[in-house]
Each structure stands twice: as C-alpha cells, then as structure tokens.
N, C-alpha and C. Protein backbone atom coordinates (compact mmCIF):
# COMPACT_ATOMS: atom_id res chain seq x y z
N UNK A 1 7.25 5.34 -1.78
CA UNK A 1 5.51 5.24 -1.13
C UNK A 1 6.54 4.42 0.42
N UNK A 2 6.34 4.93 0.99
CA UNK A 2 6.12 5.03 1.98
C UNK A 2 5.25 4.42 3.04
N UNK A 3 5.42 3.51 4.26
CA UNK A 3 4.07 2.95 4.80
C UNK A 3 2.83 4.02 5.37
N UNK A 4 3.67 4.38 5.38
CA UNK A 4 3.63 5.82 6.70
C UNK A 4 2.27 6.83 5.22
N UNK A 5 3.20 6.53 4.17
CA UNK A 5 1.86 7.42 3.04
C UNK A 5 0.89 6.44 2.23
N UNK A 6 1.41 5.31 3.06
CA UNK A 6 0.21 4.40 2.51
C UNK A 6 -0.96 4.21 3.41
N UNK A 7 -0.70 4.69 4.84
CA UNK A 7 -1.60 4.80 5.55
C UNK A 7 -2.88 6.26 5.32
N UNK A 8 -1.74 6.65 4.97
CA UNK A 8 -2.28 8.45 5.21
C UNK A 8 -3.32 8.82 3.62
N UNK A 9 -3.04 7.95 2.43
CA UNK A 9 -4.11 7.77 1.53
C UNK A 9 -5.00 7.18 1.12
N UNK A 10 -4.52 6.06 2.54
CA UNK A 10 -6.26 4.62 2.86
C UNK A 10 -7.10 5.41 3.93
N UNK A 11 -6.60 6.19 5.23
CA UNK A 11 -7.14 6.57 5.75
C UNK A 11 -8.11 8.20 5.27
N UNK A 12 -7.24 8.54 4.07
CA UNK A 12 -8.29 9.60 3.42
C UNK A 12 -9.29 8.34 2.56
N UNK A 13 -8.74 7.77 1.79
CA UNK A 13 -10.00 7.16 0.44
C UNK A 13 -11.45 6.69 2.01
N UNK A 14 -11.16 6.06 3.42
CA UNK A 14 -11.94 6.30 4.16
C UNK A 14 -11.96 4.61 3.81
N UNK A 15 -10.86 3.87 4.13
CA UNK A 15 -10.62 2.82 4.01
C UNK A 15 -10.07 2.51 4.95
N UNK A 16 -10.92 0.60 5.37
CA UNK A 16 -9.52 0.44 6.51
C UNK A 16 -9.23 -0.66 5.71
N UNK A 17 -7.83 -0.97 6.32
CA UNK A 17 -6.51 -2.30 6.64
C UNK A 17 -7.77 -3.66 5.74
N UNK A 18 -8.40 -3.90 5.94
CA UNK A 18 -9.22 -5.25 5.70
C UNK A 18 -10.30 -4.87 4.32
N UNK A 19 -10.96 -3.49 4.21
CA UNK A 19 -10.98 -3.46 3.64
C UNK A 19 -10.15 -3.26 2.47
N UNK A 20 -8.83 -1.93 1.97
CA UNK A 20 -8.15 -2.32 0.84
C UNK A 20 -7.14 -3.79 0.67
N UNK A 21 -7.40 -4.93 2.19
CA UNK A 21 -6.83 -6.15 1.87
C UNK A 21 -7.99 -6.61 0.58
N UNK A 22 -9.53 -5.97 0.69
CA UNK A 22 -10.28 -7.09 -0.33
C UNK A 22 -10.28 -6.19 -1.28
N UNK A 23 -9.92 -5.00 -1.84
CA UNK A 23 -9.89 -4.38 -2.93
C UNK A 23 -8.65 -4.67 -3.71
N UNK A 24 -7.55 -4.61 -2.68
CA UNK A 24 -6.24 -5.19 -3.39
C UNK A 24 -5.68 -6.38 -3.96
N UNK A 25 -6.34 -7.06 -2.46
CA UNK A 25 -5.72 -8.23 -2.22
C UNK A 25 -4.60 -9.03 -2.14
N UNK A 26 -3.96 -8.32 -1.13
CA UNK A 26 -2.70 -8.17 -0.50
C UNK A 26 -3.12 -8.54 1.10
N UNK A 27 -2.73 -9.06 1.60
CA UNK A 27 -3.26 -9.80 3.06
C UNK A 27 -3.35 -8.82 4.07
N UNK A 28 -4.27 -8.15 5.01
CA UNK A 28 -4.41 -7.75 5.73
C UNK A 28 -3.11 -7.94 7.15
N UNK A 29 -2.79 -8.86 6.83
CA UNK A 29 -1.79 -8.47 7.79
C UNK A 29 -0.20 -8.07 7.55
N UNK A 30 -0.47 -8.12 5.82
CA UNK A 30 0.76 -7.29 5.12
C UNK A 30 0.85 -6.71 4.83
N UNK A 31 -0.19 -5.78 4.88
CA UNK A 31 -0.76 -4.06 4.96
C UNK A 31 -0.55 -3.37 6.47
N UNK A 32 -0.32 -3.50 7.05
CA UNK A 32 0.29 -3.56 9.18
C UNK A 32 1.05 -3.38 8.80
N UNK A 33 1.72 -4.18 8.46
CA UNK A 33 3.13 -4.41 8.09
C UNK A 33 3.89 -3.42 7.84
N UNK A 34 3.80 -2.99 6.52
CA UNK A 34 4.15 -1.82 5.86
C UNK A 34 3.58 -0.65 6.22
N UNK A 35 3.11 -0.77 6.80
CA UNK A 35 2.15 0.91 7.35
C UNK A 35 3.22 0.96 8.70
N UNK A 36 3.33 -0.38 9.48
CA UNK A 36 3.85 0.05 10.68
C UNK A 36 5.28 0.08 11.19
N UNK A 37 6.11 -0.65 9.97
CA UNK A 37 7.27 -0.80 10.24
C UNK A 37 7.89 -0.39 9.13
N UNK A 38 10.17 -0.75 8.46
CA UNK A 38 10.03 0.17 7.88
C UNK A 38 10.63 -1.49 6.53
N UNK A 39 9.22 -2.23 6.77
CA UNK A 39 10.03 -2.88 5.99
C UNK A 39 9.76 -3.08 4.13
N UNK A 40 10.20 -3.30 3.09
CA UNK A 40 10.50 -2.87 1.93
C UNK A 40 9.61 -4.03 1.29
N UNK A 41 8.40 -3.07 0.84
CA UNK A 41 7.43 -4.03 -0.02
C UNK A 41 7.88 -4.99 -1.12
N UNK A 42 7.22 -5.62 -2.18
CA UNK A 42 7.49 -6.09 -3.05
C UNK A 42 6.77 -5.25 -4.38
N UNK A 43 7.22 -5.33 -5.70
CA UNK A 43 7.01 -4.14 -6.20
C UNK A 43 5.48 -4.77 -6.69
N UNK A 44 4.93 -5.79 -7.02
CA UNK A 44 3.71 -6.28 -7.34
C UNK A 44 2.55 -5.91 -6.09
N UNK A 45 2.97 -6.49 -4.68
CA UNK A 45 2.50 -5.70 -3.71
C UNK A 45 1.61 -3.43 -4.12
N UNK A 46 3.30 -3.69 -4.27
CA UNK A 46 3.22 -1.39 -3.88
C UNK A 46 1.72 -1.32 -5.65
N UNK A 47 2.46 -2.19 -6.53
CA UNK A 47 1.35 -2.08 -7.71
C UNK A 47 -0.19 -1.99 -6.84
N UNK A 48 -0.70 -3.84 -6.52
CA UNK A 48 -1.57 -4.02 -6.33
C UNK A 48 -2.18 -2.51 -5.17
N UNK A 49 -1.87 -2.03 -4.70
CA UNK A 49 -1.91 -1.28 -3.20
C UNK A 49 -2.13 0.04 -4.51
N UNK A 50 -0.85 -0.03 -5.50
CA UNK A 50 -1.25 1.27 -5.83
C UNK A 50 -2.56 1.91 -6.78
N UNK A 51 -3.15 0.19 -7.89
CA UNK A 51 -4.50 0.92 -8.01
C UNK A 51 -5.23 0.90 -7.87
N UNK A 52 -5.39 0.58 -6.15
CA UNK A 52 -6.53 1.05 -4.66
C UNK A 52 -6.74 1.99 -5.04
N UNK A 53 -5.48 3.70 -4.00
CA UNK A 53 -4.79 4.06 -3.35
C UNK A 53 -4.74 4.82 -4.43
N UNK A 54 -4.62 4.74 -5.87
CA UNK A 54 -4.53 6.14 -6.74
C UNK A 54 -3.38 6.49 -7.39
N UNK A 55 -2.06 5.83 -6.55
CA UNK A 55 -0.62 5.88 -6.99
C UNK A 55 -0.38 5.03 -8.34
N UNK A 56 1.24 5.61 -8.75
CA UNK A 56 2.13 4.58 -9.83
C UNK A 56 2.99 4.52 -9.14
N UNK A 57 3.29 2.80 -9.42
CA UNK A 57 5.18 3.35 -9.27
C UNK A 57 5.76 2.76 -10.27
N UNK A 58 6.84 4.00 -9.80
CA UNK A 58 7.79 3.87 -11.61
C UNK A 58 8.92 4.25 -10.70
N UNK A 59 10.00 3.07 -11.85
CA UNK A 59 11.42 3.02 -11.74
C UNK A 59 12.25 3.66 -12.52
N UNK A 60 13.22 4.54 -12.01
CA UNK A 60 14.22 5.61 -12.87
C UNK A 60 15.39 4.78 -12.72
N UNK A 61 15.92 4.31 -13.68
CA UNK A 61 16.98 3.83 -14.31
C UNK A 61 18.07 5.09 -14.46
N UNK A 62 18.85 5.67 -13.67
CA UNK A 62 20.25 7.13 -13.88
C UNK A 62 21.53 6.13 -13.94
C-alpha cells in the first residue's frame, strides 16, 4: 500500500490526518510523511493504519 492509497482511503472515509492519528495511535506527522513521500512505513505502522482504514497487510514469501 502506497502513501497515495492510504491518503485516498483516509479521505474516502472522511477522516483528517489528525482523526486517523487519534484512532490508530500513529503520530500525525508520521501519517503526513507516509502520504507525501516515498518513505517506507514500518509493518507496525501499516497494521495500525490498516485496522482503521479497513485493509490488511500480508507478506508472502515465494
């Protein structure tokens, strides 16, 4: 999931970055950085955001 996709999902749910921060426990500054750069987020962060935004992070080894 890219920052662009996270932003689009957040907006589709009508959430501000601050509201997503409150619900997920992820600092608003981190959400901003993920949404506006190509920074790689930690799995813990993606999982926390996913719980609020309705997505699941899956890693597959092939």
